[in-house]
Amino acid sequence: FPIVTRSAQPPLDGQTLKPAHFNRLWGIYGLP
């Protein structure tokens, strides 16, 4: 699993967090 310290941490993209980012986390990780 990727661990990035000097740029955006996947699956984030470095942009200001918005609801879409957390919807993405739920979809990618398969959170209930």
Full PDB file with SEQRES, HELIX, SHEET, SSBOND, CRYST1, ORIGX, SCALE, CONECT and MASTER records, all heavy atoms in Angstrom:
SEQRES   1 A   32  PHE PRO ILE VAL THR ARG SER ALA GLN PRO PRO LEU ASP          
SEQRES   2 A   32  GLY GLN THR LEU LYS PRO ALA HIS PHE ASN ARG LEU TRP          
SEQRES   3 A   32  GLY ILE TYR GLY LEU PRO                                      
HELIX    1 AA1 PRO A   19  TYR A   29  1                                  11    
CRYST1    1.000    1.000    1.000  90.00  90.00  90.00 P 1           1          
ORIGX1      1.000000  0.000000  0.000000        0.00000                         
ORIGX2      0.000000  1.000000  0.000000        0.00000                         
ORIGX3      0.000000  0.000000  1.000000        0.00000                         
SCALE1      1.000000  0.000000  0.000000        0.00000                         
SCALE2      0.000000  1.000000  0.000000        0.00000                         
SCALE3      0.000000  0.000000  1.000000        0.00000                         
ATOM      1  N   PHE A   1       0.840  -1.193   0.000  1.00  0.00           N  
ATOM      2  CA  PHE A   1       0.000   0.000   0.000  1.00  0.00           C  
ATOM      3  C   PHE A   1       0.878   1.247   0.000  1.00  0.00           C  
ATOM      4  O   PHE A   1       1.867   1.316   0.731  1.00  0.00           O  
ATOM      5  CB  PHE A   1      -0.913   0.011   1.227  1.00  0.00           C  
ATOM      6  CG  PHE A   1      -2.048  -0.965   1.152  1.00  0.00           C  
ATOM      7  CD1 PHE A   1      -1.862  -2.307   1.448  1.00  0.00           C  
ATOM      8  CD2 PHE A   1      -3.318  -0.536   0.783  1.00  0.00           C  
ATOM      9  CE1 PHE A   1      -2.912  -3.207   1.382  1.00  0.00           C  
ATOM     10  CE2 PHE A   1      -4.377  -1.435   0.716  1.00  0.00           C  
ATOM     11  CZ  PHE A   1      -4.176  -2.769   1.004  1.00  0.00           C  
ATOM     12  N   PRO A   2       0.535   2.249  -0.809  1.00  0.00           N  
ATOM     13  CA  PRO A   2       1.390   3.438  -0.929  1.00  0.00           C  
ATOM     14  C   PRO A   2       1.368   4.302   0.329  1.00  0.00           C  
ATOM     15  O   PRO A   2       0.314   4.522   0.935  1.00  0.00           O  
ATOM     16  CB  PRO A   2       0.778   4.195  -2.112  1.00  0.00           C  
ATOM     17  CG  PRO A   2      -0.663   3.778  -2.123  1.00  0.00           C  
ATOM     18  CD  PRO A   2      -0.658   2.343  -1.674  1.00  0.00           C  
ATOM     19  N   ILE A   3       2.545   4.766   0.713  1.00  0.00           N  
ATOM     20  CA  ILE A   3       2.704   5.719   1.810  1.00  0.00           C  
ATOM     21  C   ILE A   3       3.581   6.840   1.272  1.00  0.00           C  
ATOM     22  O   ILE A   3       4.776   6.641   1.023  1.00  0.00           O  
ATOM     23  CB  ILE A   3       3.347   5.063   3.040  1.00  0.00           C  
ATOM     24  CG1 ILE A   3       2.483   3.899   3.550  1.00  0.00           C  
ATOM     25  CG2 ILE A   3       3.547   6.098   4.148  1.00  0.00           C  
ATOM     26  CD1 ILE A   3       3.153   3.049   4.598  1.00  0.00           C  
ATOM     27  N   VAL A   4       3.001   8.003   1.064  1.00  0.00           N  
ATOM     28  CA  VAL A   4       3.695   9.115   0.424  1.00  0.00           C  
ATOM     29  C   VAL A   4       3.838  10.241   1.436  1.00  0.00           C  
ATOM     30  O   VAL A   4       2.862  10.653   2.067  1.00  0.00           O  
ATOM     31  CB  VAL A   4       2.914   9.602  -0.808  1.00  0.00           C  
ATOM     32  CG1 VAL A   4       3.613  10.795  -1.448  1.00  0.00           C  
ATOM     33  CG2 VAL A   4       2.759   8.472  -1.819  1.00  0.00           C  
ATOM     34  N   THR A   5       5.044  10.743   1.617  1.00  0.00           N  
ATOM     35  CA  THR A   5       5.292  11.771   2.623  1.00  0.00           C  
ATOM     36  C   THR A   5       5.548  13.155   2.036  1.00  0.00           C  
ATOM     37  O   THR A   5       5.377  14.153   2.732  1.00  0.00           O  
ATOM     38  CB  THR A   5       6.500  11.389   3.494  1.00  0.00           C  
ATOM     39  OG1 THR A   5       7.653  11.194   2.649  1.00  0.00           O  
ATOM     40  CG2 THR A   5       6.220  10.094   4.259  1.00  0.00           C  
ATOM     41  N   ARG A   6       5.948  13.239   0.772  1.00  0.00           N  
ATOM     42  CA  ARG A   6       6.327  14.542   0.211  1.00  0.00           C  
ATOM     43  C   ARG A   6       5.345  15.073  -0.817  1.00  0.00           C  
ATOM     44  O   ARG A   6       5.584  16.124  -1.412  1.00  0.00           O  
ATOM     45  CB  ARG A   6       7.718  14.454  -0.405  1.00  0.00           C  
ATOM     46  CG  ARG A   6       8.811  14.161   0.619  1.00  0.00           C  
ATOM     47  CD  ARG A   6      10.193  14.324   0.031  1.00  0.00           C  
ATOM     48  NE  ARG A   6      11.241  14.111   1.036  1.00  0.00           N  
ATOM     49  CZ  ARG A   6      12.539  14.250   0.798  1.00  0.00           C  
ATOM     50  NH1 ARG A   6      12.958  14.594  -0.407  1.00  0.00           N  
ATOM     51  NH2 ARG A   6      13.417  14.033   1.770  1.00  0.00           N  
ATOM     52  N   SER A   7       4.276  14.386  -1.049  1.00  0.00           N  
ATOM     53  CA  SER A   7       3.237  14.853  -1.952  1.00  0.00           C  
ATOM     54  C   SER A   7       1.910  14.282  -1.469  1.00  0.00           C  
ATOM     55  O   SER A   7       1.810  13.810  -0.346  1.00  0.00           O  
ATOM     56  CB  SER A   7       3.548  14.437  -3.400  1.00  0.00           C  
ATOM     57  OG  SER A   7       3.671  13.027  -3.498  1.00  0.00           O  
ATOM     58  N   ALA A   8       0.903  14.319  -2.320  1.00  0.00           N  
ATOM     59  CA  ALA A   8      -0.415  13.867  -1.905  1.00  0.00           C  
ATOM     60  C   ALA A   8      -0.414  12.383  -1.561  1.00  0.00           C  
ATOM     61  O   ALA A   8       0.180  11.565  -2.271  1.00  0.00           O  
ATOM     62  CB  ALA A   8      -1.429  14.139  -3.019  1.00  0.00           C  
ATOM     63  N   GLN A   9      -1.064  12.046  -0.469  1.00  0.00           N  
ATOM     64  CA  GLN A   9      -1.180  10.652  -0.041  1.00  0.00           C  
ATOM     65  C   GLN A   9      -2.360   9.999  -0.761  1.00  0.00           C  
ATOM     66  O   GLN A   9      -3.501  10.380  -0.557  1.00  0.00           O  
ATOM     67  CB  GLN A   9      -1.405  10.578   1.467  1.00  0.00           C  
ATOM     68  CG  GLN A   9      -1.814   9.202   1.979  1.00  0.00           C  
ATOM     69  CD  GLN A   9      -0.785   8.120   1.691  1.00  0.00           C  
ATOM     70  OE1 GLN A   9       0.394   8.311   1.941  1.00  0.00           O  
ATOM     71  NE2 GLN A   9      -1.231   6.984   1.180  1.00  0.00           N  
ATOM     72  N   PRO A  10      -2.089   9.001  -1.641  1.00  0.00           N  
ATOM     73  CA  PRO A  10      -3.193   8.297  -2.297  1.00  0.00           C  
ATOM     74  C   PRO A  10      -4.100   7.638  -1.271  1.00  0.00           C  
ATOM     75  O   PRO A  10      -3.616   7.127  -0.253  1.00  0.00           O  
ATOM     76  CB  PRO A  10      -2.467   7.245  -3.151  1.00  0.00           C  
ATOM     77  CG  PRO A  10      -1.075   7.762  -3.308  1.00  0.00           C  
ATOM     78  CD  PRO A  10      -0.769   8.508  -2.044  1.00  0.00           C  
ATOM     79  N   PRO A  11      -5.416   7.691  -1.479  1.00  0.00           N  
ATOM     80  CA  PRO A  11      -6.113   8.182  -2.671  1.00  0.00           C  
ATOM     81  C   PRO A  11      -6.509   9.657  -2.606  1.00  0.00           C  
ATOM     82  O   PRO A  11      -7.404  10.083  -3.341  1.00  0.00           O  
ATOM     83  CB  PRO A  11      -7.353   7.293  -2.717  1.00  0.00           C  
ATOM     84  CG  PRO A  11      -7.672   7.034  -1.291  1.00  0.00           C  
ATOM     85  CD  PRO A  11      -6.334   6.953  -0.583  1.00  0.00           C  
ATOM     86  N   LEU A  12      -5.876  10.453  -1.729  1.00  0.00           N  
ATOM     87  CA  LEU A  12      -6.096  11.893  -1.728  1.00  0.00           C  
ATOM     88  C   LEU A  12      -5.311  12.508  -2.883  1.00  0.00           C  
ATOM     89  O   LEU A  12      -4.471  11.839  -3.493  1.00  0.00           O  
ATOM     90  CB  LEU A  12      -5.671  12.494  -0.386  1.00  0.00           C  
ATOM     91  CG  LEU A  12      -6.345  11.891   0.856  1.00  0.00           C  
ATOM     92  CD1 LEU A  12      -5.824  12.558   2.123  1.00  0.00           C  
ATOM     93  CD2 LEU A  12      -7.859  11.994   0.764  1.00  0.00           C  
ATOM     94  N   ASP A  13      -5.562  13.785  -3.165  1.00  0.00           N  
ATOM     95  CA  ASP A  13      -4.936  14.405  -4.337  1.00  0.00           C  
ATOM     96  C   ASP A  13      -4.239  15.720  -4.027  1.00  0.00           C  
ATOM     97  O   ASP A  13      -3.813  16.426  -4.942  1.00  0.00           O  
ATOM     98  CB  ASP A  13      -5.986  14.633  -5.431  1.00  0.00           C  
ATOM     99  CG  ASP A  13      -7.219  15.375  -4.930  1.00  0.00           C  
ATOM    100  OD1 ASP A  13      -7.128  16.039  -3.873  1.00  0.00           O  
ATOM    101  OD2 ASP A  13      -8.277  15.272  -5.573  1.00  0.00           O  
ATOM    102  N   GLY A  14      -4.129  16.069  -2.744  1.00  0.00           N  
ATOM    103  CA  GLY A  14      -3.431  17.287  -2.384  1.00  0.00           C  
ATOM    104  C   GLY A  14      -4.309  18.527  -2.381  1.00  0.00           C  
ATOM    105  O   GLY A  14      -3.858  19.602  -1.980  1.00  0.00           O  
ATOM    106  N   GLN A  15      -5.550  18.409  -2.823  1.00  0.00           N  
ATOM    107  CA  GLN A  15      -6.461  19.547  -2.828  1.00  0.00           C  
ATOM    108  C   GLN A  15      -7.151  19.681  -1.473  1.00  0.00           C  
ATOM    109  O   GLN A  15      -7.166  18.741  -0.667  1.00  0.00           O  
ATOM    110  CB  GLN A  15      -7.495  19.388  -3.940  1.00  0.00           C  
ATOM    111  CG  GLN A  15      -6.905  19.364  -5.332  1.00  0.00           C  
ATOM    112  CD  GLN A  15      -7.962  19.265  -6.412  1.00  0.00           C  
ATOM    113  OE1 GLN A  15      -9.156  19.415  -6.151  1.00  0.00           O  
ATOM    114  NE2 GLN A  15      -7.541  18.983  -7.632  1.00  0.00           N  
ATOM    115  N   THR A  16      -7.714  20.852  -1.219  1.00  0.00           N  
ATOM    116  CA  THR A  16      -8.475  21.051   0.011  1.00  0.00           C  
ATOM    117  C   THR A  16      -9.577  20.008   0.092  1.00  0.00           C  
ATOM    118  O   THR A  16     -10.310  19.783  -0.871  1.00  0.00           O  
ATOM    119  CB  THR A  16      -9.102  22.462   0.021  1.00  0.00           C  
ATOM    120  OG1 THR A  16      -8.063  23.434  -0.121  1.00  0.00           O  
ATOM    121  CG2 THR A  16      -9.841  22.714   1.330  1.00  0.00           C  
ATOM    122  N   LEU A  17      -9.686  19.360   1.241  1.00  0.00           N  
ATOM    123  CA  LEU A  17     -10.648  18.267   1.380  1.00  0.00           C  
ATOM    124  C   LEU A  17     -12.074  18.763   1.218  1.00  0.00           C  
ATOM    125  O   LEU A  17     -12.468  19.793   1.768  1.00  0.00           O  
ATOM    126  CB  LEU A  17     -10.472  17.592   2.733  1.00  0.00           C  
ATOM    127  CG  LEU A  17      -9.160  16.826   2.914  1.00  0.00           C  
ATOM    128  CD1 LEU A  17      -9.067  16.257   4.326  1.00  0.00           C  
ATOM    129  CD2 LEU A  17      -9.032  15.708   1.891  1.00  0.00           C  
ATOM    130  N   LYS A  18     -12.840  17.999   0.452  1.00  0.00           N  
ATOM    131  CA  LYS A  18     -14.241  18.277   0.184  1.00  0.00           C  
ATOM    132  C   LYS A  18     -15.034  16.989   0.395  1.00  0.00           C  
ATOM    133  O   LYS A  18     -14.441  15.912   0.509  1.00  0.00           O  
ATOM    134  CB  LYS A  18     -14.424  18.782  -1.256  1.00  0.00           C  
ATOM    135  CG  LYS A  18     -13.661  20.058  -1.588  1.00  0.00           C  
ATOM    136  CD  LYS A  18     -13.926  20.519  -3.007  1.00  0.00           C  
ATOM    137  CE  LYS A  18     -13.260  19.603  -4.029  1.00  0.00           C  
ATOM    138  NZ  LYS A  18     -11.792  19.645  -3.975  1.00  0.00           N  
ATOM    139  N   PRO A  19     -16.354  17.063   0.382  1.00  0.00           N  
ATOM    140  CA  PRO A  19     -17.138  15.829   0.522  1.00  0.00           C  
ATOM    141  C   PRO A  19     -16.760  14.759  -0.496  1.00  0.00           C  
ATOM    142  O   PRO A  19     -16.759  13.564  -0.173  1.00  0.00           O  
ATOM    143  CB  PRO A  19     -18.580  16.325   0.318  1.00  0.00           C  
ATOM    144  CG  PRO A  19     -18.558  17.729   0.838  1.00  0.00           C  
ATOM    145  CD  PRO A  19     -17.220  18.267   0.430  1.00  0.00           C  
ATOM    146  N   ALA A  20     -16.406  15.165  -1.710  1.00  0.00           N  
ATOM    147  CA  ALA A  20     -16.051  14.187  -2.747  1.00  0.00           C  
ATOM    148  C   ALA A  20     -14.863  13.331  -2.340  1.00  0.00           C  
ATOM    149  O   ALA A  20     -14.784  12.155  -2.721  1.00  0.00           O  
ATOM    150  CB  ALA A  20     -15.755  14.910  -4.070  1.00  0.00           C  
ATOM    151  N   HIS A  21     -13.934  13.891  -1.583  1.00  0.00           N  
ATOM    152  CA  HIS A  21     -12.773  13.107  -1.152  1.00  0.00           C  
ATOM    153  C   HIS A  21     -13.191  11.954  -0.236  1.00  0.00           C  
ATOM    154  O   HIS A  21     -12.675  10.845  -0.354  1.00  0.00           O  
ATOM    155  CB  HIS A  21     -11.759  13.995  -0.420  1.00  0.00           C  
ATOM    156  CG  HIS A  21     -11.022  14.934  -1.321  1.00  0.00           C  
ATOM    157  ND1 HIS A  21     -11.368  16.260  -1.454  1.00  0.00           N  
ATOM    158  CD2 HIS A  21      -9.970  14.742  -2.148  1.00  0.00           C  
ATOM    159  CE1 HIS A  21     -10.550  16.843  -2.310  1.00  0.00           C  
ATOM    160  NE2 HIS A  21      -9.685  15.942  -2.743  1.00  0.00           N  
ATOM    161  N   PHE A  22     -14.117  12.217   0.652  1.00  0.00           N  
ATOM    162  CA  PHE A  22     -14.542  11.160   1.578  1.00  0.00           C  
ATOM    163  C   PHE A  22     -15.482  10.161   0.902  1.00  0.00           C  
ATOM    164  O   PHE A  22     -15.448   8.968   1.230  1.00  0.00           O  
ATOM    165  CB  PHE A  22     -15.164  11.787   2.827  1.00  0.00           C  
ATOM    166  CG  PHE A  22     -14.144  12.507   3.654  1.00  0.00           C  
ATOM    167  CD1 PHE A  22     -13.974  13.884   3.528  1.00  0.00           C  
ATOM    168  CD2 PHE A  22     -13.313  11.812   4.510  1.00  0.00           C  
ATOM    169  CE1 PHE A  22     -13.003  14.548   4.263  1.00  0.00           C  
ATOM    170  CE2 PHE A  22     -12.334  12.459   5.246  1.00  0.00           C  
ATOM    171  CZ  PHE A  22     -12.179  13.834   5.123  1.00  0.00           C  
ATOM    172  N   ASN A  23     -16.269  10.628  -0.062  1.00  0.00           N  
ATOM    173  CA  ASN A  23     -17.042   9.681  -0.864  1.00  0.00           C  
ATOM    174  C   ASN A  23     -16.093   8.741  -1.618  1.00  0.00           C  
ATOM    175  O   ASN A  23     -16.376   7.547  -1.774  1.00  0.00           O  
ATOM    176  CB  ASN A  23     -17.942  10.435  -1.854  1.00  0.00           C  
ATOM    177  CG  ASN A  23     -19.082  11.165  -1.157  1.00  0.00           C  
ATOM    178  OD1 ASN A  23     -19.564  10.729  -0.111  1.00  0.00           O  
ATOM    179  ND2 ASN A  23     -19.514  12.277  -1.729  1.00  0.00           N  
ATOM    180  N   ARG A  24     -14.961   9.290  -2.055  1.00  0.00           N  
ATOM    181  CA  ARG A  24     -13.950   8.475  -2.734  1.00  0.00           C  
ATOM    182  C   ARG A  24     -13.361   7.434  -1.776  1.00  0.00           C  
ATOM    183  O   ARG A  24     -13.199   6.264  -2.154  1.00  0.00           O  
ATOM    184  CB  ARG A  24     -12.830   9.370  -3.263  1.00  0.00           C  
ATOM    185  CG  ARG A  24     -11.719   8.629  -4.014  1.00  0.00           C  
ATOM    186  CD  ARG A  24     -10.545   9.549  -4.293  1.00  0.00           C  
ATOM    187  NE  ARG A  24     -10.954  10.745  -5.005  1.00  0.00           N  
ATOM    188  CZ  ARG A  24     -10.189  11.829  -5.134  1.00  0.00           C  
ATOM    189  NH1 ARG A  24      -8.976  11.854  -4.595  1.00  0.00           N  
ATOM    190  NH2 ARG A  24     -10.626  12.879  -5.800  1.00  0.00           N  
ATOM    191  N   LEU A  25     -13.051   7.847  -0.547  1.00  0.00           N  
ATOM    192  CA  LEU A  25     -12.514   6.899   0.428  1.00  0.00           C  
ATOM    193  C   LEU A  25     -13.497   5.765   0.683  1.00  0.00           C  
ATOM    194  O   LEU A  25     -13.105   4.598   0.738  1.00  0.00           O  
ATOM    195  CB  LEU A  25     -12.192   7.613   1.741  1.00  0.00           C  
ATOM    196  CG  LEU A  25     -11.063   8.652   1.746  1.00  0.00           C  
ATOM    197  CD1 LEU A  25     -10.857   9.196   3.149  1.00  0.00           C  
ATOM    198  CD2 LEU A  25      -9.775   8.076   1.199  1.00  0.00           C  
ATOM    199  N   TRP A  26     -14.754   6.105   0.839  1.00  0.00           N  
ATOM    200  CA  TRP A  26     -15.761   5.073   1.084  1.00  0.00           C  
ATOM    201  C   TRP A  26     -15.815   4.083  -0.080  1.00  0.00           C  
ATOM    202  O   TRP A  26     -15.907   2.876   0.136  1.00  0.00           O  
ATOM    203  CB  TRP A  26     -17.128   5.717   1.297  1.00  0.00           C  
ATOM    204  CG  TRP A  26     -17.608   5.646   2.712  1.00  0.00           C  
ATOM    205  CD1 TRP A  26     -18.584   4.823   3.194  1.00  0.00           C  
ATOM    206  CD2 TRP A  26     -17.146   6.422   3.833  1.00  0.00           C  
ATOM    207  NE1 TRP A  26     -18.762   5.032   4.548  1.00  0.00           N  
ATOM    208  CE2 TRP A  26     -17.883   6.012   4.970  1.00  0.00           C  
ATOM    209  CE3 TRP A  26     -16.183   7.407   4.001  1.00  0.00           C  
ATOM    210  CZ2 TRP A  26     -17.700   6.558   6.239  1.00  0.00           C  
ATOM    211  CZ3 TRP A  26     -15.991   7.955   5.259  1.00  0.00           C  
ATOM    212  CH2 TRP A  26     -16.737   7.530   6.354  1.00  0.00           C  
ATOM    213  N   GLY A  27     -15.742   4.600  -1.310  1.00  0.00           N  
ATOM    214  CA  GLY A  27     -15.828   3.723  -2.475  1.00  0.00           C  
ATOM    215  C   GLY A  27     -14.594   2.861  -2.669  1.00  0.00           C  
ATOM    216  O   GLY A  27     -14.702   1.661  -2.938  1.00  0.00           O  
ATOM    217  N   ILE A  28     -13.411   3.437  -2.522  1.00  0.00           N  
ATOM    218  CA  ILE A  28     -12.172   2.700  -2.774  1.00  0.00           C  
ATOM    219  C   ILE A  28     -11.922   1.637  -1.714  1.00  0.00           C  
ATOM    220  O   ILE A  28     -11.596   0.487  -2.034  1.00  0.00           O  
ATOM    221  CB  ILE A  28     -10.981   3.669  -2.857  1.00  0.00           C  
ATOM    222  CG1 ILE A  28     -11.071   4.502  -4.149  1.00  0.00           C  
ATOM    223  CG2 ILE A  28      -9.650   2.911  -2.814  1.00  0.00           C  
ATOM    224  CD1 ILE A  28     -10.007   5.562  -4.276  1.00  0.00           C  
ATOM    225  N   TYR A  29     -12.073   2.012  -0.448  1.00  0.00           N  
ATOM    226  CA  TYR A  29     -11.787   1.045   0.616  1.00  0.00           C  
ATOM    227  C   TYR A  29     -12.942   0.074   0.856  1.00  0.00           C  
ATOM    228  O   TYR A  29     -12.758  -0.954   1.506  1.00  0.00           O  
ATOM    229  CB  TYR A  29     -11.452   1.771   1.920  1.00  0.00           C  
ATOM    230  CG  TYR A  29     -10.109   2.452   1.890  1.00  0.00           C  
ATOM    231  CD1 TYR A  29     -10.001   3.802   1.564  1.00  0.00           C  
ATOM    232  CD2 TYR A  29      -8.937   1.756   2.163  1.00  0.00           C  
ATOM    233  CE1 TYR A  29      -8.763   4.441   1.521  1.00  0.00           C  
ATOM    234  CE2 TYR A  29      -7.699   2.382   2.125  1.00  0.00           C  
ATOM    235  CZ  TYR A  29      -7.616   3.726   1.804  1.00  0.00           C  
ATOM    236  OH  TYR A  29      -6.390   4.347   1.743  1.00  0.00           O  
ATOM    237  N   GLY A  30     -14.111   0.397   0.310  1.00  0.00           N  
ATOM    238  CA  GLY A  30     -15.272  -0.456   0.550  1.00  0.00           C  
ATOM    239  C   GLY A  30     -15.793  -0.313   1.970  1.00  0.00           C  
ATOM    240  O   GLY A  30     -16.220  -1.298   2.585  1.00  0.00           O  
ATOM    241  N   LEU A  31     -15.777   0.920   2.488  1.00  0.00           N  
ATOM    242  CA  LEU A  31     -16.290   1.169   3.825  1.00  0.00           C  
ATOM    243  C   LEU A  31     -17.807   0.987   3.836  1.00  0.00           C  
ATOM    244  O   LEU A  31     -18.480   1.315   2.855  1.00  0.00           O  
ATOM    245  CB  LEU A  31     -15.933   2.587   4.283  1.00  0.00           C  
ATOM    246  CG  LEU A  31     -14.435   2.913   4.386  1.00  0.00           C  
ATOM    247  CD1 LEU A  31     -14.241   4.389   4.670  1.00  0.00           C  
ATOM    248  CD2 LEU A  31     -13.772   2.077   5.469  1.00  0.00           C  
ATOM    249  N   PRO A  32     -18.362   0.486   4.931  1.00  0.00           N  
ATOM    250  CA  PRO A  32     -19.808   0.252   4.977  1.00  0.00           C  
ATOM    251  C   PRO A  32     -20.600   1.553   5.078  1.00  0.00           C  
ATOM    252  O   PRO A  32     -20.109   2.562   5.581  1.00  0.00           O  
ATOM    253  CB  PRO A  32     -19.981  -0.590   6.248  1.00  0.00           C  
ATOM    254  CG  PRO A  32     -18.818  -0.204   7.113  1.00  0.00           C  
ATOM    255  CD  PRO A  32     -17.682   0.040   6.159  1.00  0.00           C  
TER     256      PRO A  32                                                      
MASTER        0    0    0    1    0    0    0    6  255    1    0    3          
END                                                                             
